Amino acid sequence: TIICELPKIGPHREQMRRAIAETCA
């Protein structure tokens, strides 16, 4: 969970999921 006012996370959420998944196999 990310807590912040900015930047907006929604537009980048899926790319972030994919990057974390790749790092963790």
PDB file of all heavy atoms in Angstrom:
ATOM      1  N   THR A   1       0.846  -1.186   0.000  1.00  0.00           N
ATOM      2  CA  THR A   1       0.000   0.000   0.000  1.00  0.00           C
ATOM      3  C   THR A   1       0.884   1.240   0.000  1.00  0.00           C
ATOM      4  O   THR A   1       1.833   1.333   0.795  1.00  0.00           O
ATOM      5  CB  THR A   1      -0.924   0.035   1.226  1.00  0.00           C
ATOM      6  OG1 THR A   1      -1.749  -1.128   1.233  1.00  0.00           O
ATOM      7  CG2 THR A   1      -1.814   1.274   1.199  1.00  0.00           C
ATOM      8  N   ILE A   2       0.593   2.183  -0.881  1.00  0.00           N
ATOM      9  CA  ILE A   2       1.349   3.424  -0.990  1.00  0.00           C
ATOM     10  C   ILE A   2       0.482   4.552  -0.433  1.00  0.00           C
ATOM     11  O   ILE A   2      -0.686   4.681  -0.812  1.00  0.00           O
ATOM     12  CB  ILE A   2       1.728   3.709  -2.453  1.00  0.00           C
ATOM     13  CG1 ILE A   2       2.507   2.522  -3.052  1.00  0.00           C
ATOM     14  CG2 ILE A   2       2.546   4.989  -2.570  1.00  0.00           C
ATOM     15  CD1 ILE A   2       2.622   2.580  -4.560  1.00  0.00           C
ATOM     16  N   ILE A   3       1.055   5.350   0.455  1.00  0.00           N
ATOM     17  CA  ILE A   3       0.320   6.468   1.056  1.00  0.00           C
ATOM     18  C   ILE A   3       0.933   7.772   0.582  1.00  0.00           C
ATOM     19  O   ILE A   3       2.094   8.069   0.899  1.00  0.00           O
ATOM     20  CB  ILE A   3       0.347   6.403   2.594  1.00  0.00           C
ATOM     21  CG1 ILE A   3      -0.176   5.053   3.076  1.00  0.00           C
ATOM     22  CG2 ILE A   3      -0.474   7.521   3.211  1.00  0.00           C
ATOM     23  CD1 ILE A   3       0.849   4.198   3.727  1.00  0.00           C
ATOM     24  N   CYS A   4       0.183   8.531  -0.208  1.00  0.00           N
ATOM     25  CA  CYS A   4       0.682   9.819  -0.698  1.00  0.00           C
ATOM     26  C   CYS A   4      -0.468  10.623  -1.286  1.00  0.00           C
ATOM     27  O   CYS A   4      -1.518  10.072  -1.627  1.00  0.00           O
ATOM     28  CB  CYS A   4       1.778   9.631  -1.753  1.00  0.00           C
ATOM     29  SG  CYS A   4       1.236   8.831  -3.272  1.00  0.00           S
ATOM     30  N   GLU A   5      -0.265  11.923  -1.389  1.00  0.00           N
ATOM     31  CA  GLU A   5      -1.222  12.785  -2.074  1.00  0.00           C
ATOM     32  C   GLU A   5      -0.895  12.846  -3.570  1.00  0.00           C
ATOM     33  O   GLU A   5      -1.789  12.820  -4.411  1.00  0.00           O
ATOM     34  CB  GLU A   5      -1.172  14.197  -1.478  1.00  0.00           C
ATOM     35  CG  GLU A   5      -1.563  14.282  -0.008  1.00  0.00           C
ATOM     36  CD  GLU A   5      -3.034  14.008   0.238  1.00  0.00           C
ATOM     37  OE1 GLU A   5      -3.861  14.295  -0.655  1.00  0.00           O
ATOM     38  OE2 GLU A   5      -3.357  13.500   1.328  1.00  0.00           O
ATOM     39  N   LEU A   6       0.381  12.943  -3.869  1.00  0.00           N
ATOM     40  CA  LEU A   6       0.889  12.974  -5.233  1.00  0.00           C
ATOM     41  C   LEU A   6       2.221  12.239  -5.276  1.00  0.00           C
ATOM     42  O   LEU A   6       2.930  12.197  -4.272  1.00  0.00           O
ATOM     43  CB  LEU A   6       1.089  14.429  -5.705  1.00  0.00           C
ATOM     44  CG  LEU A   6      -0.174  15.261  -5.937  1.00  0.00           C
ATOM     45  CD1 LEU A   6       0.200  16.709  -6.206  1.00  0.00           C
ATOM     46  CD2 LEU A   6      -0.989  14.709  -7.105  1.00  0.00           C
ATOM     47  N   PRO A   7       2.577  11.637  -6.421  1.00  0.00           N
ATOM     48  CA  PRO A   7       1.840  11.584  -7.681  1.00  0.00           C
ATOM     49  C   PRO A   7       0.671  10.595  -7.623  1.00  0.00           C
ATOM     50  O   PRO A   7       0.588   9.781  -6.708  1.00  0.00           O
ATOM     51  CB  PRO A   7       2.906  11.099  -8.675  1.00  0.00           C
ATOM     52  CG  PRO A   7       3.807  10.234  -7.836  1.00  0.00           C
ATOM     53  CD  PRO A   7       3.875  10.926  -6.499  1.00  0.00           C
ATOM     54  N   LYS A   8      -0.199  10.646  -8.617  1.00  0.00           N
ATOM     55  CA  LYS A   8      -1.302   9.715  -8.706  1.00  0.00           C
ATOM     56  C   LYS A   8      -0.769   8.322  -9.059  1.00  0.00           C
ATOM     57  O   LYS A   8      -0.012   8.165 -10.025  1.00  0.00           O
ATOM     58  CB  LYS A   8      -2.311  10.165  -9.766  1.00  0.00           C
ATOM     59  CG  LYS A   8      -3.000  11.495  -9.442  1.00  0.00           C
ATOM     60  CD  LYS A   8      -3.845  11.378  -8.175  1.00  0.00           C
ATOM     61  CE  LYS A   8      -4.605  12.661  -7.902  1.00  0.00           C
ATOM     62  NZ  LYS A   8      -5.360  12.601  -6.621  1.00  0.00           N
ATOM     63  N   ILE A   9      -1.153   7.329  -8.271  1.00  0.00           N
ATOM     64  CA  ILE A   9      -0.617   5.979  -8.451  1.00  0.00           C
ATOM     65  C   ILE A   9      -1.428   5.169  -9.461  1.00  0.00           C
ATOM     66  O   ILE A   9      -0.881   4.322 -10.167  1.00  0.00           O
ATOM     67  CB  ILE A   9      -0.582   5.249  -7.092  1.00  0.00           C
ATOM     68  CG1 ILE A   9       0.271   6.041  -6.095  1.00  0.00           C
ATOM     69  CG2 ILE A   9      -0.044   3.831  -7.253  1.00  0.00           C
ATOM     70  CD1 ILE A   9       1.709   6.261  -6.528  1.00  0.00           C
ATOM     71  N   GLY A  10      -2.733   5.432  -9.560  1.00  0.00           N
ATOM     72  CA  GLY A  10      -3.609   4.621 -10.403  1.00  0.00           C
ATOM     73  C   GLY A  10      -3.110   4.365 -11.806  1.00  0.00           C
ATOM     74  O   GLY A  10      -3.089   3.203 -12.254  1.00  0.00           O
ATOM     75  N   PRO A  11      -2.646   5.391 -12.536  1.00  0.00           N
ATOM     76  CA  PRO A  11      -2.202   5.158 -13.911  1.00  0.00           C
ATOM     77  C   PRO A  11      -0.967   4.262 -14.016  1.00  0.00           C
ATOM     78  O   PRO A  11      -0.649   3.762 -15.096  1.00  0.00           O
ATOM     79  CB  PRO A  11      -1.890   6.574 -14.419  1.00  0.00           C
ATOM     80  CG  PRO A  11      -2.683   7.475 -13.540  1.00  0.00           C
ATOM     81  CD  PRO A  11      -2.678   6.825 -12.198  1.00  0.00           C
ATOM     82  N   HIS A  12      -0.258   4.075 -12.901  1.00  0.00           N
ATOM     83  CA  HIS A  12       1.005   3.316 -12.932  1.00  0.00           C
ATOM     84  C   HIS A  12       0.912   1.991 -12.174  1.00  0.00           C
ATOM     85  O   HIS A  12       1.894   1.255 -12.089  1.00  0.00           O
ATOM     86  CB  HIS A  12       2.125   4.163 -12.319  1.00  0.00           C
ATOM     87  CG  HIS A  12       2.218   5.546 -12.892  1.00  0.00           C
ATOM     88  ND1 HIS A  12       2.773   5.807 -14.119  1.00  0.00           N
ATOM     89  CD2 HIS A  12       1.796   6.748 -12.398  1.00  0.00           C
ATOM     90  CE1 HIS A  12       2.703   7.105 -14.365  1.00  0.00           C
ATOM     91  NE2 HIS A  12       2.114   7.695 -13.340  1.00  0.00           N
ATOM     92  N   ARG A  13      -0.262   1.692 -11.629  1.00  0.00           N
ATOM     93  CA  ARG A  13      -0.406   0.536 -10.740  1.00  0.00           C
ATOM     94  C   ARG A  13      -0.037  -0.782 -11.432  1.00  0.00           C
ATOM     95  O   ARG A  13       0.718  -1.587 -10.893  1.00  0.00           O
ATOM     96  CB  ARG A  13      -1.849   0.472 -10.228  1.00  0.00           C
ATOM     97  CG  ARG A  13      -2.098  -0.634  -9.216  1.00  0.00           C
ATOM     98  CD  ARG A  13      -3.588  -0.906  -9.060  1.00  0.00           C
ATOM     99  NE  ARG A  13      -4.368   0.324  -8.955  1.00  0.00           N
ATOM    100  CZ  ARG A  13      -4.628   0.931  -7.818  1.00  0.00           C
ATOM    101  NH1 ARG A  13      -4.166   0.427  -6.683  1.00  0.00           N
ATOM    102  NH2 ARG A  13      -5.355   2.040  -7.808  1.00  0.00           N
ATOM    103  N   GLU A  14      -0.587  -1.013 -12.636  1.00  0.00           N
ATOM    104  CA  GLU A  14      -0.350  -2.304 -13.289  1.00  0.00           C
ATOM    105  C   GLU A  14       1.108  -2.464 -13.709  1.00  0.00           C
ATOM    106  O   GLU A  14       1.677  -3.549 -13.612  1.00  0.00           O
ATOM    107  CB  GLU A  14      -1.286  -2.460 -14.496  1.00  0.00           C
ATOM    108  CG  GLU A  14      -2.752  -2.562 -14.124  1.00  0.00           C
ATOM    109  CD  GLU A  14      -3.010  -3.640 -13.070  1.00  0.00           C
ATOM    110  OE1 GLU A  14      -2.500  -4.756 -13.229  1.00  0.00           O
ATOM    111  OE2 GLU A  14      -3.714  -3.356 -12.085  1.00  0.00           O
ATOM    112  N   GLN A  15       1.729  -1.376 -14.166  1.00  0.00           N
ATOM    113  CA  GLN A  15       3.153  -1.456 -14.513  1.00  0.00           C
ATOM    114  C   GLN A  15       3.978  -1.772 -13.271  1.00  0.00           C
ATOM    115  O   GLN A  15       4.950  -2.538 -13.323  1.00  0.00           O
ATOM    116  CB  GLN A  15       3.622  -0.148 -15.147  1.00  0.00           C
ATOM    117  CG  GLN A  15       5.075  -0.198 -15.620  1.00  0.00           C
ATOM    118  CD  GLN A  15       5.578   1.132 -16.150  1.00  0.00           C
ATOM    119  OE1 GLN A  15       4.822   2.112 -16.203  1.00  0.00           O
ATOM    120  NE2 GLN A  15       6.840   1.193 -16.540  1.00  0.00           N
ATOM    121  N   MET A  16       3.580  -1.198 -12.141  1.00  0.00           N
ATOM    122  CA  MET A  16       4.278  -1.461 -10.890  1.00  0.00           C
ATOM    123  C   MET A  16       4.118  -2.925 -10.472  1.00  0.00           C
ATOM    124  O   MET A  16       5.078  -3.581 -10.039  1.00  0.00           O
ATOM    125  CB  MET A  16       3.728  -0.529  -9.801  1.00  0.00           C
ATOM    126  CG  MET A  16       4.688  -0.221  -8.676  1.00  0.00           C
ATOM    127  SD  MET A  16       3.971   0.930  -7.470  1.00  0.00           S
ATOM    128  CE  MET A  16       3.668   2.361  -8.511  1.00  0.00           C
ATOM    129  N   ARG A  17       2.894  -3.444 -10.599  1.00  0.00           N
ATOM    130  CA  ARG A  17       2.654  -4.857 -10.269  1.00  0.00           C
ATOM    131  C   ARG A  17       3.545  -5.760 -11.112  1.00  0.00           C
ATOM    132  O   ARG A  17       4.153  -6.716 -10.609  1.00  0.00           O
ATOM    133  CB  ARG A  17       1.190  -5.227 -10.494  1.00  0.00           C
ATOM    134  CG  ARG A  17       0.199  -4.661  -9.509  1.00  0.00           C
ATOM    135  CD  ARG A  17      -1.201  -5.104  -9.861  1.00  0.00           C
ATOM    136  NE  ARG A  17      -1.386  -6.533  -9.662  1.00  0.00           N
ATOM    137  CZ  ARG A  17      -2.248  -7.289 -10.357  1.00  0.00           C
ATOM    138  NH1 ARG A  17      -2.972  -6.745 -11.322  1.00  0.00           N
ATOM    139  NH2 ARG A  17      -2.367  -8.563 -10.093  1.00  0.00           N
ATOM    140  N   ARG A  18       3.612  -5.466 -12.399  1.00  0.00           N
ATOM    141  CA  ARG A  18       4.414  -6.302 -13.291  1.00  0.00           C
ATOM    142  C   ARG A  18       5.892  -6.231 -12.935  1.00  0.00           C
ATOM    143  O   ARG A  18       6.597  -7.239 -12.974  1.00  0.00           O
ATOM    144  CB  ARG A  18       4.194  -5.891 -14.747  1.00  0.00           C
ATOM    145  CG  ARG A  18       2.804  -6.216 -15.278  1.00  0.00           C
ATOM    146  CD  ARG A  18       2.740  -6.097 -16.788  1.00  0.00           C
ATOM    147  NE  ARG A  18       2.891  -4.728 -17.250  1.00  0.00           N
ATOM    148  CZ  ARG A  18       1.884  -3.883 -17.428  1.00  0.00           C
ATOM    149  NH1 ARG A  18       0.649  -4.262 -17.163  1.00  0.00           N
ATOM    150  NH2 ARG A  18       2.097  -2.666 -17.874  1.00  0.00           N
ATOM    151  N   ALA A  19       6.374  -5.036 -12.595  1.00  0.00           N
ATOM    152  CA  ALA A  19       7.793  -4.884 -12.245  1.00  0.00           C
ATOM    153  C   ALA A  19       8.125  -5.651 -10.971  1.00  0.00           C
ATOM    154  O   ALA A  19       9.163  -6.323 -10.885  1.00  0.00           O
ATOM    155  CB  ALA A  19       8.130  -3.405 -12.083  1.00  0.00           C
ATOM    156  N   ILE A  20       7.256  -5.559  -9.970  1.00  0.00           N
ATOM    157  CA  ILE A  20       7.491  -6.283  -8.713  1.00  0.00           C
ATOM    158  C   ILE A  20       7.422  -7.785  -8.958  1.00  0.00           C
ATOM    159  O   ILE A  20       8.251  -8.556  -8.443  1.00  0.00           O
ATOM    160  CB  ILE A  20       6.469  -5.852  -7.646  1.00  0.00           C
ATOM    161  CG1 ILE A  20       6.675  -4.381  -7.276  1.00  0.00           C
ATOM    162  CG2 ILE A  20       6.576  -6.727  -6.391  1.00  0.00           C
ATOM    163  CD1 ILE A  20       5.566  -3.792  -6.425  1.00  0.00           C
ATOM    164  N   ALA A  21       6.433  -8.219  -9.747  1.00  0.00           N
ATOM    165  CA  ALA A  21       6.298  -9.647 -10.052  1.00  0.00           C
ATOM    166  C   ALA A  21       7.537 -10.177 -10.758  1.00  0.00           C
ATOM    167  O   ALA A  21       8.019 -11.278 -10.451  1.00  0.00           O
ATOM    168  CB  ALA A  21       5.055  -9.877 -10.903  1.00  0.00           C
ATOM    169  N   GLU A  22       8.072  -9.401 -11.696  1.00  0.00           N
ATOM    170  CA  GLU A  22       9.272  -9.844 -12.417  1.00  0.00           C
ATOM    171  C   GLU A  22      10.468  -9.925 -11.471  1.00  0.00           C
ATOM    172  O   GLU A  22      11.238 -10.887 -11.523  1.00  0.00           O
ATOM    173  CB  GLU A  22       9.564  -8.889 -13.564  1.00  0.00           C
ATOM    174  CG  GLU A  22      10.756  -9.309 -14.412  1.00  0.00           C
ATOM    175  CD  GLU A  22      10.954  -8.434 -15.625  1.00  0.00           C
ATOM    176  OE1 GLU A  22      10.117  -7.546 -15.859  1.00  0.00           O
ATOM    177  OE2 GLU A  22      11.958  -8.631 -16.342  1.00  0.00           O
ATOM    178  N   THR A  23      10.616  -8.952 -10.598  1.00  0.00           N
ATOM    179  CA  THR A  23      11.721  -8.970  -9.642  1.00  0.00           C
ATOM    180  C   THR A  23      11.652 -10.195  -8.738  1.00  0.00           C
ATOM    181  O   THR A  23      12.677 -10.805  -8.413  1.00  0.00           O
ATOM    182  CB  THR A  23      11.699  -7.689  -8.774  1.00  0.00           C
ATOM    183  OG1 THR A  23      11.902  -6.556  -9.627  1.00  0.00           O
ATOM    184  CG2 THR A  23      12.795  -7.715  -7.713  1.00  0.00           C
ATOM    185  N   CYS A  24      10.435 -10.563  -8.352  1.00  0.00           N
ATOM    186  CA  CYS A  24      10.245 -11.665  -7.399  1.00  0.00           C
ATOM    187  C   CYS A  24       9.963 -13.005  -8.077  1.00  0.00           C
ATOM    188  O   CYS A  24       9.720 -14.000  -7.390  1.00  0.00           O
ATOM    189  CB  CYS A  24       9.104 -11.331  -6.443  1.00  0.00           C
ATOM    190  SG  CYS A  24       9.381  -9.847  -5.472  1.00  0.00           S
ATOM    191  N   ALA A  25       9.981 -13.038  -9.428  1.00  0.00           N
ATOM    192  CA  ALA A  25       9.690 -14.259 -10.188  1.00  0.00           C
ATOM    193  C   ALA A  25       8.345 -14.839  -9.787  1.00  0.00           C
ATOM    194  O   ALA A  25       8.195 -16.041  -9.554  1.00  0.00           O
ATOM    195  CB  ALA A  25      10.803 -15.286 -10.006  1.00  0.00           C
TER     196      ALA A  25
END
